[in-house]
Amino acid sequence: MRYIVTGGNGFVGTNLIKELLVKGHEVISIDNLSIGKKDNEVSGVKYIYEDVNNINNIEGLDNIDGIFHLAGLSRIQPSFDNPTETFRANTDGTQAVCEWSKNNGKPKIVYAGSSSKHHDPYKSPYALFKYLGEEICKMYRKSFNMEIEVCRFYNVYGPGEIVDGDWAAVIGIWRRQIRDKEPITIVGDGEQRRDFTHVYDIVDGLIKIMESNHIASDAWELGTGLNYSINEVFDIFKIRFPNIESIGLPDQSGNYRKTLRENNDAITKLNWWPSDKLREYILNL
């Protein structure tokens, strides 16, 4: 099979590409390097360094069997600083990918949505614009008879995660703080709970969704079905790094109290079996 991975130089995209190559597929990556890094290149992949919004102007995208649409700006807090760019990347970019597929043989699209959909989407530009991306996908699926599946990620961590800059999530942020001998920052009371999902399970889910003929009534939920409080995660870090200290920060806008996988459809229909790897991962850092 010949696949496009948008955001192929990013955290999830790089892990996905590696697995697609192991399975013998041909891969084209489209990434503007706004978050992804050129250092993440994998041998045997065609890398196109272009904004996904310009996909209709990219040459050489022939005989495509499917598109994993992962490109976008992926964090809540930075979206408050630049909502216009977040809309352009997460909503306009998704419409561009759907339109390209419609005009080029309708290869199947798997869209990376967000579990933030299950909370008030108006609490952050990120949440709303990822939700609008889902709605665009569903509109193209219904109006133009296209194969488009939405999946929702839950707090992804694992090898290759971002540790520097605004796009790092909590595990990556703490890894950097430990590296730089800084105290661990805990936002709010630390009792907010997160469904931490290993990137290898996310990759397995993405591929199963692409290869399956099953159609989600809403979206495929890719979470472990377990969650930890931020304080509990800190306790695990404390076992691995006994000398670390923590400091508290004020709660942040758009910070949800809990994420937890909403249903078991991916397990029952796709035979997708995620496992809780968080403790093992942290203790082996």
C-alpha atoms as a PDB file:
ATOM      1  CA  MET A   1       0.000   0.000   0.000  1.00  0.00           C
ATOM      2  CA  ARG A   2       1.048   3.592  -0.608  1.00  0.00           C
ATOM      3  CA  TYR A   3       0.177   5.938   2.231  1.00  0.00           C
ATOM      4  CA  ILE A   4       0.476   9.643   2.964  1.00  0.00           C
ATOM      5  CA  VAL A   5       1.231  10.594   6.565  1.00  0.00           C
ATOM      6  CA  THR A   6       0.649  14.276   7.254  1.00  0.00           C
ATOM      7  CA  GLY A   7       2.694  15.454  10.197  1.00  0.00           C
ATOM      8  CA  GLY A   8       5.126  12.632   9.468  1.00  0.00           C
ATOM      9  CA  ASN A   9       8.039  14.352  11.209  1.00  0.00           C
ATOM     10  CA  GLY A  10       6.137  14.647  14.482  1.00  0.00           C
ATOM     11  CA  PHE A  11       6.024  12.384  17.517  1.00  0.00           C
ATOM     12  CA  VAL A  12       3.126  10.121  16.521  1.00  0.00           C
ATOM     13  CA  GLY A  13       3.844  10.445  12.802  1.00  0.00           C
ATOM     14  CA  THR A  14       7.422   9.217  13.122  1.00  0.00           C
ATOM     15  CA  ASN A  15       6.385   6.190  15.168  1.00  0.00           C
ATOM     16  CA  LEU A  16       3.592   5.427  12.698  1.00  0.00           C
ATOM     17  CA  ILE A  17       5.921   5.655   9.704  1.00  0.00           C
ATOM     18  CA  LYS A  18       8.393   3.222  11.268  1.00  0.00           C
ATOM     19  CA  GLU A  19       5.648   0.645  11.748  1.00  0.00           C
ATOM     20  CA  LEU A  20       4.232   1.144   8.245  1.00  0.00           C
ATOM     21  CA  LEU A  21       7.691   0.474   6.810  1.00  0.00           C
ATOM     22  CA  VAL A  22       8.034  -2.692   8.910  1.00  0.00           C
ATOM     23  CA  LYS A  23       4.755  -3.859   7.363  1.00  0.00           C
ATOM     24  CA  GLY A  24       6.157  -3.257   3.873  1.00  0.00           C
ATOM     25  CA  HIS A  25       4.176  -0.159   2.927  1.00  0.00           C
ATOM     26  CA  GLU A  26       5.374   2.821   0.900  1.00  0.00           C
ATOM     27  CA  VAL A  27       5.119   6.139   2.743  1.00  0.00           C
ATOM     28  CA  ILE A  28       5.062   9.789   1.755  1.00  0.00           C
ATOM     29  CA  SER A  29       5.319  12.323   4.586  1.00  0.00           C
ATOM     30  CA  ILE A  30       4.000  15.879   4.357  1.00  0.00           C
ATOM     31  CA  ASP A  31       5.188  18.167   7.138  1.00  0.00           C
ATOM     32  CA  ASN A  32       5.972  21.895   7.370  1.00  0.00           C
ATOM     33  CA  LEU A  33       8.214  21.338  10.431  1.00  0.00           C
ATOM     34  CA  SER A  34       6.206  23.732  12.604  1.00  0.00           C
ATOM     35  CA  ILE A  35       6.355  21.056  15.323  1.00  0.00           C
ATOM     36  CA  GLY A  36       8.020  18.059  13.708  1.00  0.00           C
ATOM     37  CA  LYS A  37      11.774  17.862  13.270  1.00  0.00           C
ATOM     38  CA  LYS A  38      13.871  17.035  10.225  1.00  0.00           C
ATOM     39  CA  ASP A  39      16.009  14.862  12.505  1.00  0.00           C
ATOM     40  CA  ASN A  40      13.039  12.459  12.680  1.00  0.00           C
ATOM     41  CA  GLU A  41      13.508  11.395   9.060  1.00  0.00           C
ATOM     42  CA  VAL A  42      13.383   7.639   8.497  1.00  0.00           C
ATOM     43  CA  SER A  43      15.254   6.005   5.633  1.00  0.00           C
ATOM     44  CA  GLY A  44      13.071   4.856   2.739  1.00  0.00           C
ATOM     45  CA  VAL A  45      10.400   7.544   3.126  1.00  0.00           C
ATOM     46  CA  LYS A  46       9.668  10.358   0.679  1.00  0.00           C
ATOM     47  CA  TYR A  47       9.597  13.561   2.720  1.00  0.00           C
ATOM     48  CA  ILE A  48       7.810  16.615   1.366  1.00  0.00           C
ATOM     49  CA  TYR A  49       8.385  19.729   3.451  1.00  0.00           C
ATOM     50  CA  GLU A  50       5.251  21.678   2.702  1.00  0.00           C
ATOM     51  CA  ASP A  51       2.229  22.991   4.581  1.00  0.00           C
ATOM     52  CA  VAL A  52      -0.655  20.516   4.410  1.00  0.00           C
ATOM     53  CA  ASN A  53      -2.935  23.409   3.468  1.00  0.00           C
ATOM     54  CA  ASN A  54      -1.107  23.387   0.125  1.00  0.00           C
ATOM     55  CA  ILE A  55      -1.617  19.675  -0.531  1.00  0.00           C
ATOM     56  CA  ASN A  56      -3.579  20.419  -3.702  1.00  0.00           C
ATOM     57  CA  ASN A  57      -0.454  22.012  -5.192  1.00  0.00           C
ATOM     58  CA  ILE A  58       1.944  19.166  -4.337  1.00  0.00           C
ATOM     59  CA  GLU A  59       3.055  17.027  -7.262  1.00  0.00           C
ATOM     60  CA  GLY A  60       3.858  13.323  -7.142  1.00  0.00           C
ATOM     61  CA  LEU A  61       0.977  12.206  -4.938  1.00  0.00           C
ATOM     62  CA  ASP A  62      -0.177   9.461  -7.277  1.00  0.00           C
ATOM     63  CA  ASN A  63      -1.848   6.122  -6.582  1.00  0.00           C
ATOM     64  CA  ILE A  64      -2.421   6.826  -2.897  1.00  0.00           C
ATOM     65  CA  ASP A  65      -4.257   4.100  -0.956  1.00  0.00           C
ATOM     66  CA  GLY A  66      -4.810   6.019   2.272  1.00  0.00           C
ATOM     67  CA  ILE A  67      -4.005   9.145   4.258  1.00  0.00           C
ATOM     68  CA  PHE A  68      -3.180   9.290   7.949  1.00  0.00           C
ATOM     69  CA  HIS A  69      -3.968  12.921   8.736  1.00  0.00           C
ATOM     70  CA  LEU A  70      -1.969  13.741  11.860  1.00  0.00           C
ATOM     71  CA  ALA A  71      -0.784  17.260  10.970  1.00  0.00           C
ATOM     72  CA  GLY A  72      -1.911  20.067  13.240  1.00  0.00           C
ATOM     73  CA  LEU A  73      -1.060  22.086  16.332  1.00  0.00           C
ATOM     74  CA  SER A  74      -1.548  19.658  19.153  1.00  0.00           C
ATOM     75  CA  ARG A  75      -1.622  21.427  22.519  1.00  0.00           C
ATOM     76  CA  ILE A  76      -4.262  23.399  24.411  1.00  0.00           C
ATOM     77  CA  GLN A  77      -2.187  26.155  26.030  1.00  0.00           C
ATOM     78  CA  PRO A  78      -0.357  27.416  22.897  1.00  0.00           C
ATOM     79  CA  SER A  79      -3.712  27.715  21.107  1.00  0.00           C
ATOM     80  CA  PHE A  80      -4.652  30.632  23.384  1.00  0.00           C
ATOM     81  CA  ASP A  81      -1.603  32.539  22.124  1.00  0.00           C
ATOM     82  CA  ASN A  82      -2.389  32.072  18.431  1.00  0.00           C
ATOM     83  CA  PRO A  83      -5.967  30.956  17.755  1.00  0.00           C
ATOM     84  CA  THR A  84      -5.817  32.076  14.116  1.00  0.00           C
ATOM     85  CA  GLU A  85      -2.879  29.798  13.311  1.00  0.00           C
ATOM     86  CA  THR A  86      -4.488  26.984  15.291  1.00  0.00           C
ATOM     87  CA  PHE A  87      -7.625  27.302  13.156  1.00  0.00           C
ATOM     88  CA  ARG A  88      -5.604  27.386   9.948  1.00  0.00           C
ATOM     89  CA  ALA A  89      -3.576  24.310  10.881  1.00  0.00           C
ATOM     90  CA  ASN A  90      -6.257  22.180  12.533  1.00  0.00           C
ATOM     91  CA  THR A  91      -9.423  23.116  10.644  1.00  0.00           C
ATOM     92  CA  ASP A  92      -8.430  24.585   7.282  1.00  0.00           C
ATOM     93  CA  GLY A  93      -5.742  21.914   6.947  1.00  0.00           C
ATOM     94  CA  THR A  94      -8.256  19.141   7.487  1.00  0.00           C
ATOM     95  CA  GLN A  95     -10.596  20.580   4.880  1.00  0.00           C
ATOM     96  CA  ALA A  96      -7.700  20.749   2.408  1.00  0.00           C
ATOM     97  CA  VAL A  97      -6.844  17.075   2.965  1.00  0.00           C
ATOM     98  CA  CYS A  98     -10.483  16.013   2.542  1.00  0.00           C
ATOM     99  CA  GLU A  99     -10.816  18.069  -0.632  1.00  0.00           C
ATOM    100  CA  TRP A 100      -7.610  16.595  -2.063  1.00  0.00           C
ATOM    101  CA  SER A 101      -8.856  13.070  -1.396  1.00  0.00           C
ATOM    102  CA  LYS A 102     -12.226  13.854  -3.002  1.00  0.00           C
ATOM    103  CA  ASN A 103     -10.495  15.027  -6.167  1.00  0.00           C
ATOM    104  CA  ASN A 104      -7.892  12.261  -6.330  1.00  0.00           C
ATOM    105  CA  GLY A 105      -9.666   8.928  -6.221  1.00  0.00           C
ATOM    106  CA  LYS A 106     -11.013   9.238  -2.660  1.00  0.00           C
ATOM    107  CA  PRO A 107      -8.311   7.318  -0.763  1.00  0.00           C
ATOM    108  CA  LYS A 108      -9.396   6.539   2.786  1.00  0.00           C
ATOM    109  CA  ILE A 109      -8.570   9.131   5.454  1.00  0.00           C
ATOM    110  CA  VAL A 110      -7.904   8.402   9.126  1.00  0.00           C
ATOM    111  CA  TYR A 111      -8.129  11.691  11.011  1.00  0.00           C
ATOM    112  CA  ALA A 112      -6.425  12.233  14.354  1.00  0.00           C
ATOM    113  CA  GLY A 113      -9.019  13.901  16.529  1.00  0.00           C
ATOM    114  CA  SER A 114      -8.818  14.663  20.230  1.00  0.00           C
ATOM    115  CA  SER A 115     -10.446  13.416  23.413  1.00  0.00           C
ATOM    116  CA  SER A 116     -11.028  17.097  24.224  1.00  0.00           C
ATOM    117  CA  LYS A 117     -14.217  16.662  22.185  1.00  0.00           C
ATOM    118  CA  HIS A 118     -15.798  15.091  25.280  1.00  0.00           C
ATOM    119  CA  HIS A 119     -15.422  18.331  27.227  1.00  0.00           C
ATOM    120  CA  ASP A 120     -16.711  21.807  26.508  1.00  0.00           C
ATOM    121  CA  PRO A 121     -15.187  22.575  23.077  1.00  0.00           C
ATOM    122  CA  TYR A 122     -15.495  26.286  23.746  1.00  0.00           C
ATOM    123  CA  LYS A 123     -12.944  26.155  26.598  1.00  0.00           C
ATOM    124  CA  SER A 124      -9.998  26.503  24.206  1.00  0.00           C
ATOM    125  CA  PRO A 125      -9.261  27.286  20.557  1.00  0.00           C
ATOM    126  CA  TYR A 126      -7.536  23.901  20.254  1.00  0.00           C
ATOM    127  CA  ALA A 127     -10.569  21.927  21.456  1.00  0.00           C
ATOM    128  CA  LEU A 128     -12.985  23.774  19.189  1.00  0.00           C
ATOM    129  CA  PHE A 129     -10.852  23.655  16.068  1.00  0.00           C
ATOM    130  CA  LYS A 130     -10.078  19.926  16.429  1.00  0.00           C
ATOM    131  CA  TYR A 131     -13.815  19.348  16.905  1.00  0.00           C
ATOM    132  CA  LEU A 132     -14.525  21.343  13.740  1.00  0.00           C
ATOM    133  CA  GLY A 133     -11.988  19.139  11.970  1.00  0.00           C
ATOM    134  CA  GLU A 134     -14.044  16.113  12.975  1.00  0.00           C
ATOM    135  CA  GLU A 135     -17.207  17.719  11.650  1.00  0.00           C
ATOM    136  CA  ILE A 136     -15.530  18.495   8.330  1.00  0.00           C
ATOM    137  CA  CYS A 137     -14.509  14.847   8.030  1.00  0.00           C
ATOM    138  CA  LYS A 138     -18.032  13.662   8.763  1.00  0.00           C
ATOM    139  CA  MET A 139     -19.503  16.102   6.269  1.00  0.00           C
ATOM    140  CA  TYR A 140     -17.191  14.892   3.486  1.00  0.00           C
ATOM    141  CA  ARG A 141     -17.956  11.285   4.394  1.00  0.00           C
ATOM    142  CA  LYS A 142     -21.689  11.809   4.125  1.00  0.00           C
ATOM    143  CA  SER A 143     -21.913  14.388   1.333  1.00  0.00           C
ATOM    144  CA  PHE A 144     -19.278  12.897  -0.980  1.00  0.00           C
ATOM    145  CA  ASN A 145     -19.509   9.187  -0.062  1.00  0.00           C
ATOM    146  CA  MET A 146     -15.921   9.014   1.179  1.00  0.00           C
ATOM    147  CA  GLU A 147     -14.126   6.638   3.515  1.00  0.00           C
ATOM    148  CA  ILE A 148     -13.115   8.847   6.438  1.00  0.00           C
ATOM    149  CA  GLU A 149     -12.654   7.615   9.985  1.00  0.00           C
ATOM    150  CA  VAL A 150     -12.108   9.813  13.028  1.00  0.00           C
ATOM    151  CA  CYS A 151     -10.066   8.612  15.988  1.00  0.00           C
ATOM    152  CA  ARG A 152      -9.442  10.398  19.272  1.00  0.00           C
ATOM    153  CA  PHE A 153      -6.137  10.311  21.099  1.00  0.00           C
ATOM    154  CA  TYR A 154      -5.774  10.323  24.872  1.00  0.00           C
ATOM    155  CA  ASN A 155      -2.604  11.867  26.368  1.00  0.00           C
ATOM    156  CA  VAL A 156      -0.018  10.143  24.195  1.00  0.00           C
ATOM    157  CA  TYR A 157       3.475   9.437  25.556  1.00  0.00           C
ATOM    158  CA  GLY A 158       6.425   7.258  24.598  1.00  0.00           C
ATOM    159  CA  PRO A 159       9.654   7.132  22.559  1.00  0.00           C
ATOM    160  CA  GLY A 160      10.228  10.283  20.541  1.00  0.00           C
ATOM    161  CA  GLU A 161       7.882  12.434  22.617  1.00  0.00           C
ATOM    162  CA  ILE A 162       8.580  16.168  22.597  1.00  0.00           C
ATOM    163  CA  VAL A 163      10.572  17.351  25.601  1.00  0.00           C
ATOM    164  CA  ASP A 164      11.487  20.926  24.625  1.00  0.00           C
ATOM    165  CA  GLY A 165       9.322  23.925  23.770  1.00  0.00           C
ATOM    166  CA  ASP A 166       5.640  24.773  23.882  1.00  0.00           C
ATOM    167  CA  TRP A 167       4.453  21.536  22.287  1.00  0.00           C
ATOM    168  CA  ALA A 168       5.668  19.179  25.019  1.00  0.00           C
ATOM    169  CA  ALA A 169       3.021  17.377  27.084  1.00  0.00           C
ATOM    170  CA  VAL A 170       3.358  16.701  30.804  1.00  0.00           C
ATOM    171  CA  ILE A 171       5.630  13.637  30.582  1.00  0.00           C
ATOM    172  CA  GLY A 172       7.928  15.426  28.139  1.00  0.00           C
ATOM    173  CA  ILE A 173       7.906  18.631  30.200  1.00  0.00           C
ATOM    174  CA  TRP A 174       8.942  16.733  33.306  1.00  0.00           C
ATOM    175  CA  ARG A 175      11.686  14.892  31.435  1.00  0.00           C
ATOM    176  CA  ARG A 176      13.148  18.215  30.350  1.00  0.00           C
ATOM    177  CA  GLN A 177      12.895  19.662  33.841  1.00  0.00           C
ATOM    178  CA  ILE A 178      14.732  16.662  35.253  1.00  0.00           C
ATOM    179  CA  ARG A 179      17.363  16.909  32.521  1.00  0.00           C
ATOM    180  CA  ASP A 180      17.875  20.592  33.293  1.00  0.00           C
ATOM    181  CA  LYS A 181      17.845  20.006  37.072  1.00  0.00           C
ATOM    182  CA  GLU A 182      14.711  22.093  37.571  1.00  0.00           C
ATOM    183  CA  PRO A 183      11.828  21.318  39.948  1.00  0.00           C
ATOM    184  CA  ILE A 184       8.848  19.458  38.519  1.00  0.00           C
ATOM    185  CA  THR A 185       5.884  21.775  37.883  1.00  0.00           C
ATOM    186  CA  ILE A 186       2.434  20.564  38.883  1.00  0.00           C
ATOM    187  CA  VAL A 187      -0.447  22.621  37.516  1.00  0.00           C
ATOM    188  CA  GLY A 188      -3.392  23.195  39.843  1.00  0.00           C
ATOM    189  CA  ASP A 189      -3.992  20.702  42.642  1.00  0.00           C
ATOM    190  CA  GLY A 190      -2.539  17.773  40.668  1.00  0.00           C
ATOM    191  CA  GLU A 191      -5.709  15.743  41.139  1.00  0.00           C
ATOM    192  CA  GLN A 192      -6.775  16.067  37.518  1.00  0.00           C
ATOM    193  CA  ARG A 193      -6.705  12.592  35.960  1.00  0.00           C
ATOM    194  CA  ARG A 194      -5.412  11.587  32.543  1.00  0.00           C
ATOM    195  CA  ASP A 195      -5.736   8.477  30.384  1.00  0.00           C
ATOM    196  CA  PHE A 196      -2.075   8.117  29.356  1.00  0.00           C
ATOM    197  CA  THR A 197      -1.770   6.047  26.167  1.00  0.00           C
ATOM    198  CA  HIS A 198       1.519   4.696  24.821  1.00  0.00           C
ATOM    199  CA  VAL A 199       2.368   5.784  21.298  1.00  0.00           C
ATOM    200  CA  TYR A 200       2.866   2.167  20.183  1.00  0.00           C
ATOM    201  CA  ASP A 201      -0.779   1.463  21.055  1.00  0.00           C
ATOM    202  CA  ILE A 202      -1.848   4.606  19.196  1.00  0.00           C
ATOM    203  CA  VAL A 203       0.077   3.469  16.112  1.00  0.00           C
ATOM    204  CA  ASP A 204      -1.471   0.001  16.306  1.00  0.00           C
ATOM    205  CA  GLY A 205      -4.922   1.576  16.537  1.00  0.00           C
ATOM    206  CA  LEU A 206      -4.329   3.882  13.577  1.00  0.00           C
ATOM    207  CA  ILE A 207      -3.253   1.016  11.348  1.00  0.00           C
ATOM    208  CA  LYS A 208      -6.139  -1.190  12.437  1.00  0.00           C
ATOM    209  CA  ILE A 209      -8.582   1.626  11.640  1.00  0.00           C
ATOM    210  CA  MET A 210      -7.041   2.113   8.191  1.00  0.00           C
ATOM    211  CA  GLU A 211      -7.100  -1.609   7.377  1.00  0.00           C
ATOM    212  CA  SER A 212     -10.585  -2.294   8.740  1.00  0.00           C
ATOM    213  CA  ASN A 213     -13.878  -2.098   6.893  1.00  0.00           C
ATOM    214  CA  HIS A 214     -15.685  -1.161  10.107  1.00  0.00           C
ATOM    215  CA  ILE A 215     -17.219   2.296  10.238  1.00  0.00           C
ATOM    216  CA  ALA A 216     -17.421   4.159  13.528  1.00  0.00           C
ATOM    217  CA  SER A 217     -20.823   5.633  14.299  1.00  0.00           C
ATOM    218  CA  ASP A 218     -19.005   8.590  15.852  1.00  0.00           C
ATOM    219  CA  ALA A 219     -15.246   8.056  16.305  1.00  0.00           C
ATOM    220  CA  TRP A 220     -12.704   5.470  17.447  1.00  0.00           C
ATOM    221  CA  GLU A 221     -11.546   6.171  21.006  1.00  0.00           C
ATOM    222  CA  LEU A 222      -7.840   5.343  21.444  1.00  0.00           C
ATOM    223  CA  GLY A 223      -7.232   5.359  25.186  1.00  0.00           C
ATOM    224  CA  THR A 224      -6.230   2.689  27.705  1.00  0.00           C
ATOM    225  CA  GLY A 225      -9.421   2.948  29.750  1.00  0.00           C
ATOM    226  CA  LEU A 226      -7.354   3.718  32.869  1.00  0.00           C
ATOM    227  CA  ASN A 227      -6.280   7.059  34.248  1.00  0.00           C
ATOM    228  CA  TYR A 228      -3.817   8.492  36.752  1.00  0.00           C
ATOM    229  CA  SER A 229      -3.841  11.717  38.678  1.00  0.00           C
ATOM    230  CA  ILE A 230      -0.921  14.025  37.963  1.00  0.00           C
ATOM    231  CA  ASN A 231       0.135  13.561  41.586  1.00  0.00           C
ATOM    232  CA  GLU A 232       0.210   9.789  41.090  1.00  0.00           C
ATOM    233  CA  VAL A 233       2.404  10.232  38.027  1.00  0.00           C
ATOM    234  CA  PHE A 234       4.751  12.407  40.065  1.00  0.00           C
ATOM    235  CA  ASP A 235       4.988   9.623  42.669  1.00  0.00           C
ATOM    236  CA  ILE A 236       6.179   7.235  39.937  1.00  0.00           C
ATOM    237  CA  PHE A 237       8.738   9.782  38.754  1.00  0.00           C
ATOM    238  CA  LYS A 238       9.882  10.123  42.361  1.00  0.00           C
ATOM    239  CA  ILE A 239      10.688   6.409  42.448  1.00  0.00           C
ATOM    240  CA  ARG A 240      12.820   6.721  39.322  1.00  0.00           C
ATOM    241  CA  PHE A 241      14.350  10.086  40.268  1.00  0.00           C
ATOM    242  CA  PRO A 242      14.398  10.210  44.105  1.00  0.00           C
ATOM    243  CA  ASN A 243      15.990  13.653  44.337  1.00  0.00           C
ATOM    244  CA  ILE A 244      13.399  15.586  42.337  1.00  0.00           C
ATOM    245  CA  GLU A 245      11.274  18.286  43.949  1.00  0.00           C
ATOM    246  CA  SER A 246       7.976  19.742  42.825  1.00  0.00           C
ATOM    247  CA  ILE A 247       6.434  23.207  42.779  1.00  0.00           C
ATOM    248  CA  GLY A 248       2.825  24.172  42.199  1.00  0.00           C
ATOM    249  CA  LEU A 249       1.534  26.401  39.422  1.00  0.00           C
ATOM    250  CA  PRO A 250      -1.903  28.048  39.124  1.00  0.00           C
ATOM    251  CA  ASP A 251      -4.492  26.108  37.179  1.00  0.00           C
ATOM    252  CA  GLN A 252      -4.621  26.877  33.459  1.00  0.00           C
ATOM    253  CA  SER A 253      -7.470  27.784  31.126  1.00  0.00           C
ATOM    254  CA  GLY A 254      -8.880  24.779  29.303  1.00  0.00           C
ATOM    255  CA  ASN A 255      -7.419  22.303  31.813  1.00  0.00           C
ATOM    256  CA  TYR A 256      -9.886  19.401  32.135  1.00  0.00           C
ATOM    257  CA  ARG A 257     -10.408  17.486  35.363  1.00  0.00           C
ATOM    258  CA  LYS A 258     -10.458  14.046  33.767  1.00  0.00           C
ATOM    259  CA  THR A 259      -9.817  12.170  30.537  1.00  0.00           C
ATOM    260  CA  LEU A 260     -10.814   8.520  30.194  1.00  0.00           C
ATOM    261  CA  ARG A 261     -11.634   6.432  27.129  1.00  0.00           C
ATOM    262  CA  GLU A 262     -15.329   6.783  26.409  1.00  0.00           C
ATOM    263  CA  ASN A 263     -16.150   3.367  24.890  1.00  0.00           C
ATOM    264  CA  ASN A 264     -14.728  -0.024  23.910  1.00  0.00           C
ATOM    265  CA  ASP A 265     -15.577   0.011  20.183  1.00  0.00           C
ATOM    266  CA  ALA A 266     -11.943  -0.179  19.061  1.00  0.00           C
ATOM    267  CA  ILE A 267     -11.436  -3.220  21.281  1.00  0.00           C
ATOM    268  CA  THR A 268     -14.611  -5.078  20.373  1.00  0.00           C
ATOM    269  CA  LYS A 269     -14.699  -4.238  16.648  1.00  0.00           C
ATOM    270  CA  LEU A 270     -11.026  -3.848  15.724  1.00  0.00           C
ATOM    271  CA  ASN A 271      -9.410  -6.269  18.191  1.00  0.00           C
ATOM    272  CA  TRP A 272      -7.270  -3.395  19.475  1.00  0.00           C
ATOM    273  CA  TRP A 273      -5.783  -4.129  22.879  1.00  0.00           C
ATOM    274  CA  PRO A 274      -3.927  -1.247  24.536  1.00  0.00           C
ATOM    275  CA  SER A 275      -2.063  -1.851  27.760  1.00  0.00           C
ATOM    276  CA  ASP A 276      -1.065   0.362  30.664  1.00  0.00           C
ATOM    277  CA  LYS A 277       2.682   0.908  30.142  1.00  0.00           C
ATOM    278  CA  LEU A 278       3.072   4.195  32.020  1.00  0.00           C
ATOM    279  CA  ARG A 279       4.801   2.960  35.168  1.00  0.00           C
ATOM    280  CA  GLU A 280       7.175   0.725  33.222  1.00  0.00           C
ATOM    281  CA  TYR A 281       7.983   3.545  30.802  1.00  0.00           C
ATOM    282  CA  ILE A 282       8.801   6.063  33.533  1.00  0.00           C
ATOM    283  CA  LEU A 283      10.868   3.611  35.572  1.00  0.00           C
ATOM    284  CA  ASN A 284      12.967   2.864  32.482  1.00  0.00           C
ATOM    285  CA  LEU A 285      13.691   6.467  31.533  1.00  0.00           C
END
